[in-house]
Protein backbone atom coordinates (compact mmCIF):
# COMPACT_ATOMS: atom_id res chain seq x y z
CA UNK A 1 11.25 13.03 3.57
CA UNK A 2 9.48 9.69 3.49
CA UNK A 3 11.07 7.03 5.69
CA UNK A 4 11.38 3.82 3.68
CA UNK A 5 13.72 2.18 6.20
CA UNK A 6 13.45 -1.55 5.68
CA UNK A 7 14.55 -2.02 9.30
CA UNK A 8 11.11 -1.08 10.61
CA UNK A 9 7.70 -2.50 9.84
CA UNK A 10 6.33 1.00 9.20
CA UNK A 11 9.15 1.66 6.72
CA UNK A 12 8.43 -1.57 4.87
CA UNK A 13 4.70 -0.77 4.87
CA UNK A 14 5.40 2.68 3.43
CA UNK A 15 7.60 1.28 0.67
CA UNK A 16 5.09 -1.41 -0.28
CA UNK A 17 2.24 1.10 -0.05
CA UNK A 18 3.89 3.51 -2.46
CA UNK A 19 4.71 0.69 -4.89
CA UNK A 20 1.14 -0.65 -4.64
CA UNK A 21 -0.33 2.82 -5.13
CA UNK A 22 1.82 3.51 -8.18
CA UNK A 23 1.04 0.10 -9.70
CA UNK A 24 -2.70 0.75 -9.24
CA UNK A 25 -2.46 4.13 -10.96
CA UNK A 26 -0.46 2.59 -13.83
CA UNK A 27 -3.05 -0.18 -14.14
CA UNK A 28 -5.99 2.23 -14.19
CA UNK A 29 -4.39 5.12 -16.08
CA UNK A 30 -2.21 3.38 -18.64
CA UNK A 31 -2.84 -0.37 -18.95
CA UNK A 32 -6.65 -0.26 -18.96
CA UNK A 33 -6.87 2.48 -21.61
CA UNK A 34 -4.34 0.56 -23.74
CA UNK A 35 -6.50 -2.56 -23.43
CA UNK A 36 -9.74 -0.90 -24.46
CA UNK A 37 -8.55 1.86 -26.79
CA UNK A 38 -5.54 0.26 -28.48
CA UNK A 39 -6.57 -3.41 -28.13
CA UNK A 40 -3.41 -4.21 -26.15
CA UNK A 41 -4.58 -6.52 -23.31
CA UNK A 42 -1.07 -7.78 -22.47
CA UNK A 43 -0.34 -4.61 -20.47
CA UNK A 44 -3.25 -5.33 -18.14
CA UNK A 45 -2.07 -8.91 -17.63
CA UNK A 46 1.46 -7.86 -16.67
CA UNK A 47 0.53 -4.78 -14.65
CA UNK A 48 -2.37 -6.62 -13.02
CA UNK A 49 -0.12 -9.45 -11.81
CA UNK A 50 2.40 -7.01 -10.39
CA UNK A 51 -0.32 -4.95 -8.73
CA UNK A 52 -1.97 -8.09 -7.32
CA UNK A 53 1.27 -9.22 -5.70
CA UNK A 54 1.91 -5.75 -4.26
CA UNK A 55 -1.68 -5.57 -2.98
CA UNK A 56 -1.28 -8.86 -1.11
CA UNK A 57 2.06 -7.70 0.35
CA UNK A 58 0.42 -4.42 1.41
CA UNK A 59 -2.41 -6.20 3.23
CA UNK A 60 0.09 -8.50 4.97
CA UNK A 61 2.19 -5.45 5.90
CA UNK A 62 -0.86 -3.70 7.34
CA UNK A 63 -1.70 -6.70 9.49
CA UNK A 64 1.91 -6.99 10.68
CA UNK A 65 2.07 -3.26 11.50
CA UNK A 66 -1.24 -3.41 13.37
CA UNK A 67 0.14 -6.25 15.48
CA UNK A 68 3.62 -4.80 16.01
CA UNK A 69 2.48 -1.28 16.88
CA UNK A 70 -0.81 -2.25 18.61
CA UNK A 71 -2.82 -0.06 16.24
CA UNK A 72 -6.56 0.17 16.81
CA UNK A 73 -8.71 -1.91 14.47
CA UNK A 74 -9.96 1.36 12.94
CA UNK A 75 -6.48 2.12 11.56
CA UNK A 76 -6.28 -1.34 10.00
CA UNK A 77 -9.74 -1.04 8.44
CA UNK A 78 -9.06 2.45 7.07
CA UNK A 79 -5.75 1.20 5.65
CA UNK A 80 -7.56 -1.67 3.96
CA UNK A 81 -10.17 0.71 2.56
CA UNK A 82 -7.44 3.02 1.29
CA UNK A 83 -5.78 0.10 -0.51
CA UNK A 84 -8.70 -0.23 -2.94
CA UNK A 85 -8.97 3.47 -3.79
CA UNK A 86 -6.82 5.30 -6.32
CA UNK A 87 -4.34 7.45 -4.38
CA UNK A 88 -5.54 5.71 -1.20
CA UNK A 89 -2.19 4.30 -0.08
CA UNK A 90 -0.62 7.77 -0.38
CA UNK A 91 -3.39 9.28 1.73
CA UNK A 92 -3.10 6.48 4.30
CA UNK A 93 0.64 6.99 4.53
CA UNK A 94 0.23 10.70 5.17
CA UNK A 95 -2.77 10.57 7.53
CA UNK A 96 -2.99 7.15 9.19
CA UNK A 97 0.48 5.79 9.75
CA UNK A 98 2.61 7.52 12.36
CA UNK A 99 6.23 8.27 11.69
CA UNK A 100 8.63 6.06 13.66
CA UNK A 101 8.83 7.21 17.29
CA UNK A 102 5.84 9.55 16.87
CA UNK A 103 2.88 8.51 18.92
CA UNK A 104 2.97 4.78 18.52
CA UNK A 105 4.20 2.10 20.78
CA UNK A 106 6.17 -0.89 19.74
CA UNK A 107 4.37 -3.97 20.99
CA UNK A 108 6.87 -6.66 21.84
CA UNK A 109 5.65 -10.15 22.50
């Protein structure tokens, strides 16, 4: 079960990551073909704006999680790389981000 607890930074990152990943797949797999095959560019405009907002929130969430959990810079950079690849946020969630209370320390300052 995926932990989307909004009480933790990792939970918020996971939620935003899944939303960003889905919006990217919708943009690439549905909106873009509709634009070029069916001459319906409005779907790219709407989906693109939503995806852009979610992308920015995801990057902010990554930076916040790196700071809060004292992640190495490598984790941040791999998370950023994953954010620009289709299915990347799902992979990052499964492989890069530890579950709460599993191998990460909460950095309080």
